[in-house]
Amino acid sequence: MPNGIIIIDKPAGWTSMDVCAKLRGMFHEKRVGHAGTLDPMATGVLPVFIGRATRAVEFAADSDKEYIAGLKLGVVTNTQDATGEILETRPVDVTREQLLSVLPRFTGQIEQVPPMYSAIKINGKKLYELARKGREVERKPRPVTIHTLELLDGPPTEGSDYLLRAVCSKGTYVRTLCHDIGQALGCGGCMSSLRRVKAAGFTLADSVTLEEVQAAVDRGKGESLLLPVDSCFAGVPALILKTAGAEKKIRNGAALSARSVPDGEYRVYGMDKTFLALGRAAGGTLTTVKSFFEV
């Protein structure tokens, strides 16, 4: 049975669920999930979890993300990106220095009003379903954190005036960021392109295309592209169990005495270096947060 993580360089025009459906067929495995939705127009890093590795999706989805976004000034759309219906166009008389001067307003912890064209549910209805019916409902601002927001040098992407690099928390809408920057400059703006370059600790260097996956599957080598599930927790210290008794307790979900282990989270391995669980030590006791071994 295939188990592991595959980092897809998502192509434009595909939904994140389209990618999962394609991989479900390639690997003949029903358990497939992704960490962090990318809009169809966006490309780049999409971590996909296969088999028992899907148990790690919840941890990966909470991670920070890094994006390169095209900013088109003077255009406001109903989706806040270039795929939407143009609501208004305005003349642009903005210098690079003026754009730089407003970026600090959007750095750190900020509040964003989620766009109507989003999958957020209000009263059980997804916002984009209401938006398609021409309805707009009040959305409460949500706190997000923009760790880094900078203007990149070099030529912008086709149809954009500038390229931005943003490192941000889970739940950040980069198209809303572009829209809000345009509003702050008084000329309006939208996102003209989006490429995710990092998610869940994985980068474009870790990624493969769907064509490369298909070619590997056709050669019978598809599973060689899967990264081990513990790679998702690379920043968490490892703890190798020393006795069969300790390993049995962890496999049975029981708490384990660990007086010499400092408090914190650990990647817990068996005596043979098999990744067993994400564990948490507190007050000299090790408990399982989530198990990952094959039952």
C-alpha atoms as a PDB file:
ATOM      1  CA  MET A   1       0.000   0.000   0.000  1.00  0.00           C
ATOM      2  CA  PRO A   2       1.432   3.432  -0.896  1.00  0.00           C
ATOM      3  CA  ASN A   3       2.115   5.653   2.110  1.00  0.00           C
ATOM      4  CA  GLY A   4       3.855   8.995   2.029  1.00  0.00           C
ATOM      5  CA  ILE A   5       3.882  12.606   0.903  1.00  0.00           C
ATOM      6  CA  ILE A   6       4.286  13.820  -2.664  1.00  0.00           C
ATOM      7  CA  ILE A   7       4.909  17.493  -3.393  1.00  0.00           C
ATOM      8  CA  ILE A   8       3.137  18.467  -6.596  1.00  0.00           C
ATOM      9  CA  ASP A   9       3.956  21.590  -8.604  1.00  0.00           C
ATOM     10  CA  LYS A  10       0.271  22.303  -9.251  1.00  0.00           C
ATOM     11  CA  PRO A  11      -0.488  23.437 -12.797  1.00  0.00           C
ATOM     12  CA  ALA A  12      -2.755  26.398 -13.552  1.00  0.00           C
ATOM     13  CA  GLY A  13      -6.362  25.500 -14.290  1.00  0.00           C
ATOM     14  CA  TRP A  14      -6.513  22.600 -11.822  1.00  0.00           C
ATOM     15  CA  THR A  15      -8.227  22.704  -8.441  1.00  0.00           C
ATOM     16  CA  SER A  16      -6.370  21.177  -5.513  1.00  0.00           C
ATOM     17  CA  MET A  17      -9.036  18.449  -5.393  1.00  0.00           C
ATOM     18  CA  ASP A  18      -8.497  17.742  -9.124  1.00  0.00           C
ATOM     19  CA  VAL A  19      -4.869  16.954  -8.273  1.00  0.00           C
ATOM     20  CA  CYS A  20      -5.925  14.642  -5.430  1.00  0.00           C
ATOM     21  CA  ALA A  21      -8.387  12.842  -7.725  1.00  0.00           C
ATOM     22  CA  LYS A  22      -5.683  12.329 -10.350  1.00  0.00           C
ATOM     23  CA  LEU A  23      -3.247  10.909  -7.776  1.00  0.00           C
ATOM     24  CA  ARG A  24      -5.982   8.714  -6.295  1.00  0.00           C
ATOM     25  CA  GLY A  25      -6.257   7.044  -9.698  1.00  0.00           C
ATOM     26  CA  MET A  26      -2.511   6.842 -10.300  1.00  0.00           C
ATOM     27  CA  PHE A  27      -1.729   5.197  -6.946  1.00  0.00           C
ATOM     28  CA  HIS A  28      -4.994   3.211  -6.634  1.00  0.00           C
ATOM     29  CA  GLU A  29      -5.386   4.567  -3.090  1.00  0.00           C
ATOM     30  CA  LYS A  30      -8.579   6.155  -1.759  1.00  0.00           C
ATOM     31  CA  ARG A  31      -6.877   7.937   1.142  1.00  0.00           C
ATOM     32  CA  VAL A  32      -5.492  11.084  -0.512  1.00  0.00           C
ATOM     33  CA  GLY A  33      -5.569  14.611   0.925  1.00  0.00           C
ATOM     34  CA  HIS A  34      -3.768  17.907   0.451  1.00  0.00           C
ATOM     35  CA  ALA A  35      -2.447  20.557   2.819  1.00  0.00           C
ATOM     36  CA  GLY A  36      -3.545  24.059   1.868  1.00  0.00           C
ATOM     37  CA  THR A  37      -5.896  24.787  -1.031  1.00  0.00           C
ATOM     38  CA  LEU A  38      -4.570  26.607  -4.089  1.00  0.00           C
ATOM     39  CA  ASP A  39      -7.031  28.423  -6.355  1.00  0.00           C
ATOM     40  CA  PRO A  40      -7.233  27.083  -9.933  1.00  0.00           C
ATOM     41  CA  MET A  41      -5.254  30.042 -11.340  1.00  0.00           C
ATOM     42  CA  ALA A  42      -2.415  29.474  -8.838  1.00  0.00           C
ATOM     43  CA  THR A  43       0.575  27.204  -9.379  1.00  0.00           C
ATOM     44  CA  GLY A  44       3.275  25.762  -7.171  1.00  0.00           C
ATOM     45  CA  VAL A  45       3.813  23.748  -4.016  1.00  0.00           C
ATOM     46  CA  LEU A  46       0.882  21.484  -3.117  1.00  0.00           C
ATOM     47  CA  PRO A  47       1.796  18.829  -0.517  1.00  0.00           C
ATOM     48  CA  VAL A  48      -0.375  15.745  -1.093  1.00  0.00           C
ATOM     49  CA  PHE A  49      -0.644  13.004   1.521  1.00  0.00           C
ATOM     50  CA  ILE A  50      -1.289   9.415   0.466  1.00  0.00           C
ATOM     51  CA  GLY A  51      -2.398   6.407   2.498  1.00  0.00           C
ATOM     52  CA  ARG A  52      -1.816   6.516   6.245  1.00  0.00           C
ATOM     53  CA  ALA A  53       0.180   9.728   5.730  1.00  0.00           C
ATOM     54  CA  THR A  54      -3.175  11.554   5.437  1.00  0.00           C
ATOM     55  CA  ARG A  55      -3.139  11.548   9.254  1.00  0.00           C
ATOM     56  CA  ALA A  56      -0.528  14.324   9.026  1.00  0.00           C
ATOM     57  CA  VAL A  57      -2.617  16.706   6.881  1.00  0.00           C
ATOM     58  CA  GLU A  58      -3.987  18.611   9.874  1.00  0.00           C
ATOM     59  CA  PHE A  59      -0.460  19.460  11.068  1.00  0.00           C
ATOM     60  CA  ALA A  60       0.830  20.466   7.631  1.00  0.00           C
ATOM     61  CA  ALA A  61      -2.177  22.660   6.840  1.00  0.00           C
ATOM     62  CA  ASP A  62      -1.437  24.854   9.876  1.00  0.00           C
ATOM     63  CA  SER A  63       2.023  25.787   8.621  1.00  0.00           C
ATOM     64  CA  ASP A  64       3.188  29.106   7.167  1.00  0.00           C
ATOM     65  CA  LYS A  65       3.193  29.526   3.384  1.00  0.00           C
ATOM     66  CA  GLU A  66       5.361  31.542   0.976  1.00  0.00           C
ATOM     67  CA  TYR A  67       4.059  33.049  -2.260  1.00  0.00           C
ATOM     68  CA  ILE A  68       5.200  35.092  -5.251  1.00  0.00           C
ATOM     69  CA  ALA A  69       2.236  37.173  -6.409  1.00  0.00           C
ATOM     70  CA  GLY A  70       1.650  39.474  -9.364  1.00  0.00           C
ATOM     71  CA  LEU A  71      -0.008  42.771  -8.412  1.00  0.00           C
ATOM     72  CA  LYS A  72      -2.030  44.571 -11.086  1.00  0.00           C
ATOM     73  CA  LEU A  73      -2.896  48.131 -10.083  1.00  0.00           C
ATOM     74  CA  GLY A  74      -5.864  50.105 -11.416  1.00  0.00           C
ATOM     75  CA  VAL A  75      -8.159  47.075 -11.781  1.00  0.00           C
ATOM     76  CA  VAL A  76     -10.768  45.928  -9.229  1.00  0.00           C
ATOM     77  CA  THR A  77     -12.545  42.590  -9.785  1.00  0.00           C
ATOM     78  CA  ASN A  78     -15.296  40.681  -7.996  1.00  0.00           C
ATOM     79  CA  THR A  79     -12.900  37.822  -7.160  1.00  0.00           C
ATOM     80  CA  GLN A  80      -9.968  40.114  -6.261  1.00  0.00           C
ATOM     81  CA  ASP A  81      -7.876  38.357  -8.939  1.00  0.00           C
ATOM     82  CA  ALA A  82      -7.484  38.602 -12.711  1.00  0.00           C
ATOM     83  CA  THR A  83      -9.910  35.724 -13.382  1.00  0.00           C
ATOM     84  CA  GLY A  84     -12.887  37.718 -12.102  1.00  0.00           C
ATOM     85  CA  GLU A  85     -15.329  40.176 -13.588  1.00  0.00           C
ATOM     86  CA  ILE A  86     -13.873  43.689 -13.757  1.00  0.00           C
ATOM     87  CA  LEU A  87     -15.869  45.994 -11.501  1.00  0.00           C
ATOM     88  CA  GLU A  88     -13.879  49.148 -12.180  1.00  0.00           C
ATOM     89  CA  THR A  89     -10.695  50.452 -13.735  1.00  0.00           C
ATOM     90  CA  ARG A  90      -8.919  53.497 -12.444  1.00  0.00           C
ATOM     91  CA  PRO A  91      -5.934  55.537 -13.640  1.00  0.00           C
ATOM     92  CA  VAL A  92      -2.680  54.606 -11.912  1.00  0.00           C
ATOM     93  CA  ASP A  93      -0.275  57.296 -10.843  1.00  0.00           C
ATOM     94  CA  VAL A  94       1.736  55.318  -8.312  1.00  0.00           C
ATOM     95  CA  THR A  95       5.507  55.154  -8.008  1.00  0.00           C
ATOM     96  CA  ARG A  96       7.493  52.179  -6.786  1.00  0.00           C
ATOM     97  CA  GLU A  97       8.395  54.226  -3.705  1.00  0.00           C
ATOM     98  CA  GLN A  98       4.712  54.870  -2.916  1.00  0.00           C
ATOM     99  CA  LEU A  99       3.987  51.160  -3.156  1.00  0.00           C
ATOM    100  CA  LEU A 100       6.927  50.408  -0.853  1.00  0.00           C
ATOM    101  CA  SER A 101       5.653  52.974   1.647  1.00  0.00           C
ATOM    102  CA  VAL A 102       2.305  51.165   2.190  1.00  0.00           C
ATOM    103  CA  LEU A 103       3.689  47.627   2.564  1.00  0.00           C
ATOM    104  CA  PRO A 104       4.522  48.018   6.284  1.00  0.00           C
ATOM    105  CA  ARG A 105       0.768  48.533   6.930  1.00  0.00           C
ATOM    106  CA  PHE A 106       0.215  44.977   5.744  1.00  0.00           C
ATOM    107  CA  THR A 107       3.067  43.375   7.685  1.00  0.00           C
ATOM    108  CA  GLY A 108       2.737  41.668  11.060  1.00  0.00           C
ATOM    109  CA  GLN A 109      -0.633  40.704  12.491  1.00  0.00           C
ATOM    110  CA  ILE A 110      -3.379  42.248  10.389  1.00  0.00           C
ATOM    111  CA  GLU A 111      -7.082  41.665   9.853  1.00  0.00           C
ATOM    112  CA  GLN A 112      -8.526  40.534   6.533  1.00  0.00           C
ATOM    113  CA  VAL A 113     -12.139  40.437   5.440  1.00  0.00           C
ATOM    114  CA  PRO A 114     -12.432  37.112   3.567  1.00  0.00           C
ATOM    115  CA  PRO A 115     -13.434  37.528  -0.103  1.00  0.00           C
ATOM    116  CA  MET A 116     -16.935  36.520  -1.175  1.00  0.00           C
ATOM    117  CA  TYR A 117     -15.346  34.126  -3.649  1.00  0.00           C
ATOM    118  CA  SER A 118     -13.938  31.781  -1.002  1.00  0.00           C
ATOM    119  CA  ALA A 119     -14.849  28.413   0.496  1.00  0.00           C
ATOM    120  CA  ILE A 120     -15.509  29.829   3.968  1.00  0.00           C
ATOM    121  CA  LYS A 121     -18.934  28.832   5.290  1.00  0.00           C
ATOM    122  CA  ILE A 122     -21.396  31.264   6.847  1.00  0.00           C
ATOM    123  CA  ASN A 123     -24.604  29.733   8.176  1.00  0.00           C
ATOM    124  CA  GLY A 124     -23.733  26.478   6.429  1.00  0.00           C
ATOM    125  CA  LYS A 125     -23.345  28.058   2.977  1.00  0.00           C
ATOM    126  CA  LYS A 126     -20.012  28.451   1.185  1.00  0.00           C
ATOM    127  CA  LEU A 127     -19.395  32.102   0.337  1.00  0.00           C
ATOM    128  CA  TYR A 128     -18.596  31.410  -3.319  1.00  0.00           C
ATOM    129  CA  GLU A 129     -21.973  29.663  -3.739  1.00  0.00           C
ATOM    130  CA  LEU A 130     -23.708  32.823  -2.508  1.00  0.00           C
ATOM    131  CA  ALA A 131     -21.441  35.034  -4.647  1.00  0.00           C
ATOM    132  CA  ARG A 132     -22.346  33.099  -7.794  1.00  0.00           C
ATOM    133  CA  LYS A 133     -26.001  33.902  -7.068  1.00  0.00           C
ATOM    134  CA  GLY A 134     -25.109  37.580  -6.890  1.00  0.00           C
ATOM    135  CA  ARG A 135     -25.460  37.762  -3.112  1.00  0.00           C
ATOM    136  CA  GLU A 136     -23.044  39.429  -0.721  1.00  0.00           C
ATOM    137  CA  VAL A 137     -23.109  38.836   3.014  1.00  0.00           C
ATOM    138  CA  GLU A 138     -21.293  40.524   5.858  1.00  0.00           C
ATOM    139  CA  ARG A 139     -17.996  38.831   6.722  1.00  0.00           C
ATOM    140  CA  LYS A 140     -16.147  39.409   9.961  1.00  0.00           C
ATOM    141  CA  PRO A 141     -12.467  40.368   9.682  1.00  0.00           C
ATOM    142  CA  ARG A 142     -10.117  37.533  10.592  1.00  0.00           C
ATOM    143  CA  PRO A 143      -6.619  37.907  12.071  1.00  0.00           C
ATOM    144  CA  VAL A 144      -3.751  36.645   9.924  1.00  0.00           C
ATOM    145  CA  THR A 145      -0.006  37.164  10.184  1.00  0.00           C
ATOM    146  CA  ILE A 146       2.179  38.435   7.346  1.00  0.00           C
ATOM    147  CA  HIS A 147       5.729  37.611   8.419  1.00  0.00           C
ATOM    148  CA  THR A 148       7.396  39.050   5.305  1.00  0.00           C
ATOM    149  CA  LEU A 149       6.057  41.286   2.524  1.00  0.00           C
ATOM    150  CA  GLU A 150       8.502  42.624  -0.002  1.00  0.00           C
ATOM    151  CA  LEU A 151       8.627  44.009  -3.499  1.00  0.00           C
ATOM    152  CA  LEU A 152      10.772  41.901  -5.811  1.00  0.00           C
ATOM    153  CA  ASP A 153      13.142  43.194  -8.463  1.00  0.00           C
ATOM    154  CA  GLY A 154      13.074  41.815 -11.960  1.00  0.00           C
ATOM    155  CA  PRO A 155      10.381  41.681 -14.606  1.00  0.00           C
ATOM    156  CA  PRO A 156       6.829  41.152 -13.341  1.00  0.00           C
ATOM    157  CA  THR A 157       4.684  38.359 -14.720  1.00  0.00           C
ATOM    158  CA  GLU A 158       2.509  38.896 -17.766  1.00  0.00           C
ATOM    159  CA  GLY A 159      -0.366  41.264 -16.984  1.00  0.00           C
ATOM    160  CA  SER A 160       1.088  42.502 -13.698  1.00  0.00           C
ATOM    161  CA  ASP A 161       2.789  45.711 -12.670  1.00  0.00           C
ATOM    162  CA  TYR A 162       4.751  44.353  -9.707  1.00  0.00           C
ATOM    163  CA  LEU A 163       5.816  41.112  -8.079  1.00  0.00           C
ATOM    164  CA  LEU A 164       5.387  40.664  -4.332  1.00  0.00           C
ATOM    165  CA  ARG A 165       6.863  38.008  -2.056  1.00  0.00           C
ATOM    166  CA  ALA A 166       4.744  37.156   0.952  1.00  0.00           C
ATOM    167  CA  VAL A 167       5.418  34.748   3.832  1.00  0.00           C
ATOM    168  CA  CYS A 168       2.187  34.366   5.758  1.00  0.00           C
ATOM    169  CA  SER A 169       0.136  32.306   8.172  1.00  0.00           C
ATOM    170  CA  LYS A 170      -2.568  29.786   7.424  1.00  0.00           C
ATOM    171  CA  GLY A 171      -5.796  31.415   6.248  1.00  0.00           C
ATOM    172  CA  THR A 172      -4.198  34.396   4.502  1.00  0.00           C
ATOM    173  CA  TYR A 173      -5.794  35.387   1.192  1.00  0.00           C
ATOM    174  CA  VAL A 174      -3.056  36.793  -1.033  1.00  0.00           C
ATOM    175  CA  ARG A 175      -5.638  38.128  -3.515  1.00  0.00           C
ATOM    176  CA  THR A 176      -7.263  40.057  -0.662  1.00  0.00           C
ATOM    177  CA  LEU A 177      -3.812  41.380   0.237  1.00  0.00           C
ATOM    178  CA  CYS A 178      -3.377  42.630  -3.354  1.00  0.00           C
ATOM    179  CA  HIS A 179      -6.888  44.121  -3.342  1.00  0.00           C
ATOM    180  CA  ASP A 180      -6.293  45.896  -0.020  1.00  0.00           C
ATOM    181  CA  ILE A 181      -2.901  47.273  -1.138  1.00  0.00           C
ATOM    182  CA  GLY A 182      -4.624  48.705  -4.219  1.00  0.00           C
ATOM    183  CA  GLN A 183      -7.271  50.327  -2.011  1.00  0.00           C
ATOM    184  CA  ALA A 184      -4.570  51.812   0.239  1.00  0.00           C
ATOM    185  CA  LEU A 185      -2.907  53.351  -2.823  1.00  0.00           C
ATOM    186  CA  GLY A 186      -6.220  54.829  -3.971  1.00  0.00           C
ATOM    187  CA  CYS A 187      -6.146  53.211  -7.407  1.00  0.00           C
ATOM    188  CA  GLY A 188      -7.451  49.733  -6.657  1.00  0.00           C
ATOM    189  CA  GLY A 189      -5.700  46.486  -7.503  1.00  0.00           C
ATOM    190  CA  CYS A 190      -6.031  42.760  -7.971  1.00  0.00           C
ATOM    191  CA  MET A 191      -3.828  39.670  -7.996  1.00  0.00           C
ATOM    192  CA  SER A 192      -2.729  38.814 -11.538  1.00  0.00           C
ATOM    193  CA  SER A 193      -0.713  35.656 -10.784  1.00  0.00           C
ATOM    194  CA  LEU A 194       0.166  33.448  -7.828  1.00  0.00           C
ATOM    195  CA  ARG A 195       2.888  30.885  -7.319  1.00  0.00           C
ATOM    196  CA  ARG A 196       3.328  29.138  -3.978  1.00  0.00           C
ATOM    197  CA  VAL A 197       6.996  28.450  -3.412  1.00  0.00           C
ATOM    198  CA  LYS A 198       6.820  26.940   0.091  1.00  0.00           C
ATOM    199  CA  ALA A 199       4.251  25.092   2.203  1.00  0.00           C
ATOM    200  CA  ALA A 200       4.526  22.716   5.188  1.00  0.00           C
ATOM    201  CA  GLY A 201       8.298  23.125   5.060  1.00  0.00           C
ATOM    202  CA  PHE A 202       8.478  21.869   1.454  1.00  0.00           C
ATOM    203  CA  THR A 203       9.710  23.993  -1.468  1.00  0.00           C
ATOM    204  CA  LEU A 204       9.595  23.911  -5.270  1.00  0.00           C
ATOM    205  CA  ALA A 205      12.896  22.000  -5.146  1.00  0.00           C
ATOM    206  CA  ASP A 206      10.970  19.117  -3.518  1.00  0.00           C
ATOM    207  CA  SER A 207       8.191  19.187  -6.097  1.00  0.00           C
ATOM    208  CA  VAL A 208       7.359  17.113  -9.172  1.00  0.00           C
ATOM    209  CA  THR A 209       4.858  17.687 -11.961  1.00  0.00           C
ATOM    210  CA  LEU A 210       1.853  15.457 -12.580  1.00  0.00           C
ATOM    211  CA  GLU A 211       3.499  14.424 -15.864  1.00  0.00           C
ATOM    212  CA  GLU A 212       6.591  13.265 -13.965  1.00  0.00           C
ATOM    213  CA  VAL A 213       4.409  11.293 -11.552  1.00  0.00           C
ATOM    214  CA  GLN A 214       2.530   9.635 -14.421  1.00  0.00           C
ATOM    215  CA  ALA A 215       5.800   8.709 -16.136  1.00  0.00           C
ATOM    216  CA  ALA A 216       7.122   7.170 -12.897  1.00  0.00           C
ATOM    217  CA  VAL A 217       3.860   5.256 -12.327  1.00  0.00           C
ATOM    218  CA  ASP A 218       3.991   3.941 -15.903  1.00  0.00           C
ATOM    219  CA  ARG A 219       7.484   2.560 -15.144  1.00  0.00           C
ATOM    220  CA  GLY A 220       6.228   0.996 -11.906  1.00  0.00           C
ATOM    221  CA  LYS A 221       8.296   3.512  -9.898  1.00  0.00           C
ATOM    222  CA  GLY A 222       5.550   5.811  -8.623  1.00  0.00           C
ATOM    223  CA  GLU A 223       6.105   5.038  -4.956  1.00  0.00           C
ATOM    224  CA  SER A 224       9.764   6.080  -5.265  1.00  0.00           C
ATOM    225  CA  LEU A 225       8.524   9.695  -5.455  1.00  0.00           C
ATOM    226  CA  LEU A 226       6.808   9.506  -2.061  1.00  0.00           C
ATOM    227  CA  LEU A 227       8.562  11.213   0.832  1.00  0.00           C
ATOM    228  CA  PRO A 228       8.298   9.553   4.261  1.00  0.00           C
ATOM    229  CA  VAL A 229       5.579  11.032   6.471  1.00  0.00           C
ATOM    230  CA  ASP A 230       8.098  12.068   9.156  1.00  0.00           C
ATOM    231  CA  SER A 231       9.601  14.558   6.649  1.00  0.00           C
ATOM    232  CA  CYS A 232       6.551  16.696   7.477  1.00  0.00           C
ATOM    233  CA  PHE A 233       7.887  17.024  11.035  1.00  0.00           C
ATOM    234  CA  ALA A 234      11.523  17.689  10.114  1.00  0.00           C
ATOM    235  CA  GLY A 235      11.690  20.620  12.559  1.00  0.00           C
ATOM    236  CA  VAL A 236      10.587  18.470  15.503  1.00  0.00           C
ATOM    237  CA  PRO A 237      13.327  16.667  17.523  1.00  0.00           C
ATOM    238  CA  ALA A 238      13.533  12.871  17.248  1.00  0.00           C
ATOM    239  CA  LEU A 239      13.135  10.457  20.161  1.00  0.00           C
ATOM    240  CA  ILE A 240      14.182   6.818  19.650  1.00  0.00           C
ATOM    241  CA  LEU A 241      12.685   4.330  22.072  1.00  0.00           C
ATOM    242  CA  LYS A 242      15.215   2.037  23.753  1.00  0.00           C
ATOM    243  CA  THR A 243      13.111  -0.971  24.793  1.00  0.00           C
ATOM    244  CA  ALA A 244      10.494  -3.275  23.296  1.00  0.00           C
ATOM    245  CA  GLY A 245       8.248  -2.518  26.275  1.00  0.00           C
ATOM    246  CA  ALA A 246       8.313   1.204  25.591  1.00  0.00           C
ATOM    247  CA  GLU A 247       7.596   0.595  21.908  1.00  0.00           C
ATOM    248  CA  LYS A 248       4.651  -1.649  22.774  1.00  0.00           C
ATOM    249  CA  LYS A 249       3.153   1.048  24.998  1.00  0.00           C
ATOM    250  CA  ILE A 250       3.381   3.667  22.226  1.00  0.00           C
ATOM    251  CA  ARG A 251       1.904   1.236  19.675  1.00  0.00           C
ATOM    252  CA  ASN A 252      -0.974   0.612  22.091  1.00  0.00           C
ATOM    253  CA  GLY A 253      -1.531   4.348  22.629  1.00  0.00           C
ATOM    254  CA  ALA A 254      -0.530   4.179  26.287  1.00  0.00           C
ATOM    255  CA  ALA A 255       1.376   6.872  28.174  1.00  0.00           C
ATOM    256  CA  LEU A 256       5.055   6.217  28.767  1.00  0.00           C
ATOM    257  CA  SER A 257       7.256   7.299  31.657  1.00  0.00           C
ATOM    258  CA  ALA A 258       9.947   9.629  30.271  1.00  0.00           C
ATOM    259  CA  ARG A 259      11.454  11.460  33.230  1.00  0.00           C
ATOM    260  CA  SER A 260      14.654  12.450  31.438  1.00  0.00           C
ATOM    261  CA  VAL A 261      12.866  13.846  28.365  1.00  0.00           C
ATOM    262  CA  PRO A 262      12.378  17.632  28.337  1.00  0.00           C
ATOM    263  CA  ASP A 263       8.839  18.894  27.764  1.00  0.00           C
ATOM    264  CA  GLY A 264       7.876  19.356  24.118  1.00  0.00           C
ATOM    265  CA  GLU A 265       6.845  17.555  20.926  1.00  0.00           C
ATOM    266  CA  TYR A 266       8.902  14.701  19.445  1.00  0.00           C
ATOM    267  CA  ARG A 267       9.069  12.445  16.436  1.00  0.00           C
ATOM    268  CA  VAL A 268       8.914   9.055  18.160  1.00  0.00           C
ATOM    269  CA  TYR A 269      10.727   6.102  16.550  1.00  0.00           C
ATOM    270  CA  GLY A 270      10.862   2.413  17.389  1.00  0.00           C
ATOM    271  CA  MET A 271      14.082   0.523  18.095  1.00  0.00           C
ATOM    272  CA  ASP A 272      14.429  -0.251  14.367  1.00  0.00           C
ATOM    273  CA  LYS A 273      14.002   3.485  13.476  1.00  0.00           C
ATOM    274  CA  THR A 274      10.418   2.995  12.261  1.00  0.00           C
ATOM    275  CA  PHE A 275       8.484   6.250  12.648  1.00  0.00           C
ATOM    276  CA  LEU A 276       5.714   5.495  15.140  1.00  0.00           C
ATOM    277  CA  ALA A 277       4.089   8.715  16.247  1.00  0.00           C
ATOM    278  CA  LEU A 278       4.156  12.398  16.969  1.00  0.00           C
ATOM    279  CA  GLY A 279       4.418  12.508  20.745  1.00  0.00           C
ATOM    280  CA  ARG A 280       4.339  15.098  23.479  1.00  0.00           C
ATOM    281  CA  ALA A 281       6.394  14.995  26.674  1.00  0.00           C
ATOM    282  CA  ALA A 282       5.091  16.833  29.712  1.00  0.00           C
ATOM    283  CA  GLY A 283       6.046  16.426  33.346  1.00  0.00           C
ATOM    284  CA  GLY A 284       8.049  13.248  32.720  1.00  0.00           C
ATOM    285  CA  THR A 285       5.301  11.482  30.731  1.00  0.00           C
ATOM    286  CA  LEU A 286       5.249  10.865  26.964  1.00  0.00           C
ATOM    287  CA  THR A 287       1.836  10.651  25.295  1.00  0.00           C
ATOM    288  CA  THR A 288       0.862  10.117  21.669  1.00  0.00           C
ATOM    289  CA  VAL A 289      -0.498  13.102  19.745  1.00  0.00           C
ATOM    290  CA  LYS A 290      -0.989  11.066  16.538  1.00  0.00           C
ATOM    291  CA  SER A 291       0.223   7.621  15.502  1.00  0.00           C
ATOM    292  CA  PHE A 292       1.592   6.919  12.034  1.00  0.00           C
ATOM    293  CA  PHE A 293       2.694   3.261  12.021  1.00  0.00           C
ATOM    294  CA  GLU A 294       0.846   0.750   9.862  1.00  0.00           C
ATOM    295  CA  VAL A 295      -1.636  -1.234  11.925  1.00  0.00           C
END
